[in-house]
């Protein structure tokens, strides 16, 4: 009995001497959470400023002031203004392009791939005006062709031409026309008919079928007959994955390589190969 009490006493003493692992972990978890919150605030501030003024028109101190964090805190998260811009592009363009790719894996018709991309892009820009403004700003910048979203649009256009689905004499000019039309459509939604605006209805800028009308127009530019373009543009729209708490789509693991193959349109494995 005495030995048992001694063992229990020793165990209690040892336990008291060693702090609880869960208690010790809480400050660390809180620190990580605060760090992530600061990073998010910096990204959101940079997005607001760069959507309006472009990357070149924004200074780091403007970002930190808008985020309400210390100037030095910026460098705990990003090495430069170019680094936070790259993070924004990753968040805004790359993930969205990945999701479009996953949807397109189940679409055997290159025309529907383009139509779905146009419709989803216009709908998202309408739901998230800041996203749309940033897309317009960067879509017309000298960096536009380096974005994965632009490269994938060019890739899908070229595949449709190679497969005799699209009929465009100059693939690159066709791509530029497509991209310019899409960006102009986003601008029309955001600038000509903002919520509560008084644009005459005959312009038809807003409305339930604006995205479908634009998708049909794009397909006509690529050589499809009007009747077929309208039919494809009004097919059931594949849904994106449900969104996470931050409002962005929840994405499965996909590569960042912009030249993901999709030779077999119905094979998701080729789109998300390791």
Protein backbone atom coordinates (compact mmCIF):
# COMPACT_ATOMS: atom_id res chain seq x y z
CA UNK A 1 0.00 0.00 0.00
CA UNK A 2 2.85 2.36 0.91
CA UNK A 3 4.59 1.63 -2.40
CA UNK A 4 1.38 2.37 -4.29
CA UNK A 5 1.02 5.76 -2.58
CA UNK A 6 4.65 6.56 -3.39
CA UNK A 7 4.15 5.70 -7.06
CA UNK A 8 1.00 7.83 -7.23
CA UNK A 9 2.81 10.70 -5.52
CA UNK A 10 5.68 10.46 -8.00
CA UNK A 11 3.28 10.41 -10.95
CA UNK A 12 1.43 13.49 -9.70
CA UNK A 13 4.68 15.34 -9.12
CA UNK A 14 5.90 14.48 -12.61
CA UNK A 15 2.61 15.58 -14.17
CA UNK A 16 2.70 18.86 -12.28
CA UNK A 17 6.27 19.51 -13.39
CA UNK A 18 5.39 19.08 -17.07
CA UNK A 19 2.97 21.65 -18.57
CA UNK A 20 0.02 20.34 -20.54
CA UNK A 21 0.82 19.92 -24.24
CA UNK A 22 -2.58 21.28 -25.22
CA UNK A 23 -2.09 24.38 -23.04
CA UNK A 24 1.37 24.99 -24.47
CA UNK A 25 0.04 24.64 -28.01
CA UNK A 26 -2.70 27.26 -27.61
CA UNK A 27 -0.41 30.35 -27.75
CA UNK A 28 1.31 28.89 -30.81
CA UNK A 29 -2.03 28.25 -32.53
CA UNK A 30 -3.18 31.76 -31.66
CA UNK A 31 0.02 33.19 -33.11
CA UNK A 32 -0.41 31.25 -36.34
CA UNK A 33 -4.02 32.38 -36.60
CA UNK A 34 -3.06 36.01 -36.09
CA UNK A 35 -0.32 35.71 -38.70
CA UNK A 36 -2.79 34.26 -41.20
CA UNK A 37 -5.29 37.02 -40.44
CA UNK A 38 -2.62 39.66 -41.08
CA UNK A 39 -1.68 38.04 -44.38
CA UNK A 40 -5.32 37.94 -45.44
CA UNK A 41 -5.79 41.62 -44.57
CA UNK A 42 -2.73 42.53 -46.63
CA UNK A 43 -4.00 40.53 -49.61
CA UNK A 44 -7.47 42.06 -49.40
CA UNK A 45 -6.03 45.57 -49.18
CA UNK A 46 -3.71 44.92 -52.12
CA UNK A 47 -6.62 43.59 -54.16
CA UNK A 48 -8.74 46.69 -53.52
CA UNK A 49 -5.89 49.03 -54.42
CA UNK A 50 -4.52 47.10 -57.40
CA UNK A 51 -7.98 46.57 -58.87
CA UNK A 52 -8.26 50.35 -59.03
CA UNK A 53 -4.69 51.48 -59.76
CA UNK A 54 -2.83 48.43 -61.07
CA UNK A 55 0.29 46.97 -59.50
CA UNK A 56 2.51 49.83 -60.66
CA UNK A 57 0.20 52.44 -59.16
CA UNK A 58 0.29 51.07 -55.62
CA UNK A 59 3.00 51.51 -52.97
CA UNK A 60 3.68 49.10 -50.11
CA UNK A 61 2.88 51.73 -47.48
CA UNK A 62 -0.53 52.23 -49.09
CA UNK A 63 -1.20 48.51 -48.72
CA UNK A 64 -0.18 48.42 -45.06
CA UNK A 65 -2.22 51.54 -44.27
CA UNK A 66 -5.30 50.10 -45.98
CA UNK A 67 -4.79 46.81 -44.12
CA UNK A 68 -4.20 48.69 -40.83
CA UNK A 69 -0.96 46.85 -40.07
CA UNK A 70 2.56 48.10 -39.43
CA UNK A 71 4.81 48.74 -42.41
CA UNK A 72 7.36 46.21 -41.16
CA UNK A 73 4.70 43.52 -40.87
CA UNK A 74 4.44 43.47 -44.66
CA UNK A 75 7.88 41.89 -44.95
CA UNK A 76 6.95 39.11 -42.54
CA UNK A 77 4.66 37.84 -45.29
CA UNK A 78 5.91 39.15 -48.63
CA UNK A 79 9.38 40.02 -49.89
CA UNK A 80 8.19 42.78 -52.22
CA UNK A 81 5.22 44.37 -53.94
CA UNK A 82 5.75 41.95 -56.79
CA UNK A 83 5.49 39.05 -54.34
CA UNK A 84 2.09 40.10 -53.00
CA UNK A 85 0.92 40.66 -56.56
CA UNK A 86 2.01 37.12 -57.45
CA UNK A 87 0.07 35.81 -54.44
CA UNK A 88 -3.01 37.69 -55.64
CA UNK A 89 -2.70 36.23 -59.12
CA UNK A 90 -2.37 32.77 -57.60
CA UNK A 91 -5.47 33.32 -55.51
CA UNK A 92 -7.61 35.05 -58.12
CA UNK A 93 -6.58 33.61 -61.48
CA UNK A 94 -4.78 30.31 -60.95
CA UNK A 95 -7.34 28.65 -58.68
CA UNK A 96 -10.23 29.80 -60.83
CA UNK A 97 -8.53 28.49 -63.97
CA UNK A 98 -7.91 25.16 -62.22
CA UNK A 99 -11.60 24.87 -61.41
CA UNK A 100 -12.60 25.63 -64.99
CA UNK A 101 -10.23 22.89 -66.13
CA UNK A 102 -11.83 20.37 -63.80
CA UNK A 103 -15.28 21.22 -65.11
CA UNK A 104 -14.07 21.02 -68.72
CA UNK A 105 -12.78 17.48 -68.24
CA UNK A 106 -16.36 16.25 -68.59
CA UNK A 107 -17.11 18.33 -71.69
CA UNK A 108 -16.21 16.65 -75.00
CA UNK A 109 -17.18 19.68 -77.12
CA UNK A 110 -14.52 22.43 -77.34
CA UNK A 111 -17.28 24.94 -78.06
CA UNK A 112 -18.99 24.13 -74.78
CA UNK A 113 -15.67 24.42 -72.94
CA UNK A 114 -15.37 28.02 -74.16
CA UNK A 115 -19.04 28.79 -73.50
CA UNK A 116 -18.86 27.47 -69.94
CA UNK A 117 -15.73 29.52 -69.22
CA UNK A 118 -17.37 32.70 -70.54
CA UNK A 119 -20.59 32.14 -68.58
CA UNK A 120 -18.89 31.33 -65.28
CA UNK A 121 -16.50 34.27 -65.63
CA UNK A 122 -19.28 36.78 -66.30
CA UNK A 123 -21.40 35.42 -63.48
CA UNK A 124 -18.55 35.58 -60.99
CA UNK A 125 -17.65 39.12 -62.04
CA UNK A 126 -21.27 40.10 -61.47
CA UNK A 127 -21.30 38.50 -58.00
CA UNK A 128 -17.85 39.79 -57.04
CA UNK A 129 -17.27 43.23 -58.61
CA UNK A 130 -13.81 43.61 -57.06
CA UNK A 131 -12.74 40.34 -58.69
CA UNK A 132 -14.13 41.61 -61.98
CA UNK A 133 -12.31 44.95 -61.73
CA UNK A 134 -9.02 43.20 -61.01
CA UNK A 135 -9.57 40.86 -63.96
CA UNK A 136 -10.21 43.79 -66.29
CA UNK A 137 -7.19 45.72 -65.01
CA UNK A 138 -4.83 42.79 -65.41
CA UNK A 139 -6.48 41.49 -68.56
CA UNK A 140 -5.42 44.64 -70.39
CA UNK A 141 -1.97 44.85 -68.80
CA UNK A 142 1.35 43.81 -70.34
CA UNK A 143 1.29 40.80 -68.01
CA UNK A 144 -1.98 39.41 -69.37
CA UNK A 145 -0.46 36.65 -71.48
CA UNK A 146 1.61 35.38 -68.56
CA UNK A 147 -1.46 34.60 -66.47
CA UNK A 148 -2.57 31.00 -66.43
CA UNK A 149 -6.17 32.03 -67.11
CA UNK A 150 -5.16 33.73 -70.35
CA UNK A 151 -2.87 30.90 -71.42
CA UNK A 152 -5.59 28.32 -70.86
CA UNK A 153 -8.08 30.35 -72.87
CA UNK A 154 -5.54 30.44 -75.70
CA UNK A 155 -4.96 26.70 -75.32
CA UNK A 156 -8.68 25.89 -75.52
CA UNK A 157 -9.08 28.11 -78.57
CA UNK A 158 -6.16 26.41 -80.32
CA UNK A 159 -7.55 22.96 -79.52
CA UNK A 160 -10.90 23.86 -81.03
CA UNK A 161 -9.16 25.08 -84.18
CA UNK A 162 -6.96 21.98 -84.38
CA UNK A 163 -10.05 19.78 -84.01
CA UNK A 164 -11.86 21.60 -86.84
CA UNK A 165 -14.50 22.80 -84.38
CA UNK A 166 -13.53 26.45 -84.69
CA UNK A 167 -12.76 28.21 -87.94
CA UNK A 168 -10.37 31.09 -87.39
CA UNK A 169 -7.78 32.18 -89.94
CA UNK A 170 -5.37 33.53 -87.33
CA UNK A 171 -5.55 31.65 -83.98
CA UNK A 172 -3.75 34.32 -81.97
CA UNK A 173 -5.87 37.16 -83.33
CA UNK A 174 -8.94 35.03 -82.68
CA UNK A 175 -7.82 34.58 -79.08
CA UNK A 176 -7.24 38.32 -78.64
CA UNK A 177 -10.70 39.04 -80.03
CA UNK A 178 -12.26 36.52 -77.67
CA UNK A 179 -10.40 37.87 -74.65
CA UNK A 180 -11.18 41.47 -75.52
CA UNK A 181 -14.86 40.69 -75.95
CA UNK A 182 -15.02 38.94 -72.59
CA UNK A 183 -13.28 41.80 -70.77
CA UNK A 184 -15.53 44.34 -72.48
CA UNK A 185 -18.57 42.35 -71.36
CA UNK A 186 -17.34 42.37 -67.75
CA UNK A 187 -16.77 46.12 -67.99
CA UNK A 188 -20.30 46.55 -69.31
CA UNK A 189 -21.70 44.71 -66.31
CA UNK A 190 -19.59 46.60 -63.80
CA UNK A 191 -19.57 50.11 -65.26
CA UNK A 192 -22.67 50.51 -67.41
CA UNK A 193 -25.16 48.78 -65.16
CA UNK A 194 -24.06 48.65 -61.52
CA UNK A 195 -26.65 47.56 -58.96
CA UNK A 196 -29.32 50.24 -58.74
CA UNK A 197 -28.14 51.87 -61.96
CA UNK A 198 -30.48 53.55 -64.44
CA UNK A 199 -29.15 52.23 -67.76
CA UNK A 200 -32.00 52.00 -70.28
CA UNK A 201 -33.29 48.46 -70.57
CA UNK A 202 -32.88 48.41 -74.34
CA UNK A 203 -29.13 48.07 -73.80
CA UNK A 204 -29.80 44.69 -72.22
CA UNK A 205 -26.55 44.84 -70.26
CA UNK A 206 -27.92 43.11 -67.23
CA UNK A 207 -30.45 40.36 -67.13
CA UNK A 208 -30.74 36.66 -66.63
CA UNK A 209 -29.34 35.71 -70.03
CA UNK A 210 -26.53 38.24 -70.45
CA UNK A 211 -23.79 35.62 -69.88
CA UNK A 212 -25.44 33.23 -72.33
CA UNK A 213 -25.79 35.94 -74.98
CA UNK A 214 -22.11 36.77 -74.66
CA UNK A 215 -21.11 33.11 -74.82
CA UNK A 216 -23.11 32.71 -78.02
CA UNK A 217 -21.49 35.81 -79.52
CA UNK A 218 -18.03 34.45 -78.70
CA UNK A 219 -18.83 31.13 -80.37
CA UNK A 220 -20.02 32.96 -83.48
CA UNK A 221 -16.67 34.77 -83.53
CA UNK A 222 -15.03 31.35 -83.57
CA UNK A 223 -16.99 30.29 -86.65
CA UNK A 224 -20.13 28.58 -85.35
CA UNK A 225 -23.53 29.26 -86.88
CA UNK A 226 -25.79 31.46 -84.77
CA UNK A 227 -28.40 28.78 -84.09
CA UNK A 228 -25.81 26.28 -82.89
CA UNK A 229 -23.96 28.91 -80.86
CA UNK A 230 -27.19 29.89 -79.08
CA UNK A 231 -28.01 26.26 -78.35
CA UNK A 232 -24.58 25.51 -76.87
CA UNK A 233 -24.57 28.72 -74.82
CA UNK A 234 -27.82 27.67 -73.16
CA UNK A 235 -26.89 24.14 -72.22
CA UNK A 236 -27.10 23.35 -68.47
CA UNK A 237 -24.16 25.08 -66.80
CA UNK A 238 -21.90 22.72 -64.84
CA UNK A 239 -21.58 23.89 -61.27
CA UNK A 240 -18.32 24.68 -59.56
CA UNK A 241 -17.46 23.10 -56.24
CA UNK A 242 -19.18 24.70 -53.28
CA UNK A 243 -17.31 27.64 -51.83
CA UNK A 244 -15.31 27.75 -48.63
CA UNK A 245 -15.63 30.28 -45.81
CA UNK A 246 -13.50 32.79 -47.70
CA UNK A 247 -15.89 32.78 -50.66
CA UNK A 248 -13.47 31.02 -53.00
CA UNK A 249 -14.17 27.63 -54.58
CA UNK A 250 -12.88 24.62 -52.69
CA UNK A 251 -10.38 23.00 -54.99
CA UNK A 252 -8.99 19.49 -55.12
CA UNK A 253 -5.25 19.16 -55.54
CA UNK A 254 -4.35 20.11 -59.09
CA UNK A 255 -1.03 21.01 -60.71
CA UNK A 256 -0.12 24.60 -61.43
CA UNK A 257 1.27 23.68 -64.85
CA UNK A 258 -0.78 25.70 -67.36
CA UNK A 259 -0.39 23.07 -70.08
CA UNK A 260 -2.41 20.34 -68.39
CA UNK A 261 -3.41 17.84 -71.04
CA UNK A 262 -6.99 17.04 -71.83
CA UNK A 263 -6.63 14.79 -74.86
CA UNK A 264 -9.43 12.60 -73.62
CA UNK A 265 -12.12 15.11 -72.70
CA UNK A 266 -14.02 12.77 -70.44
CA UNK A 267 -11.03 11.60 -68.42
CA UNK A 268 -10.59 13.57 -65.21
CA UNK A 269 -7.41 11.70 -64.39
CA UNK A 270 -5.54 13.46 -67.20
CA UNK A 271 -6.64 16.86 -65.92
CA UNK A 272 -5.49 16.25 -62.38
CA UNK A 273 -2.56 13.96 -62.95
CA UNK A 274 0.11 14.10 -60.29
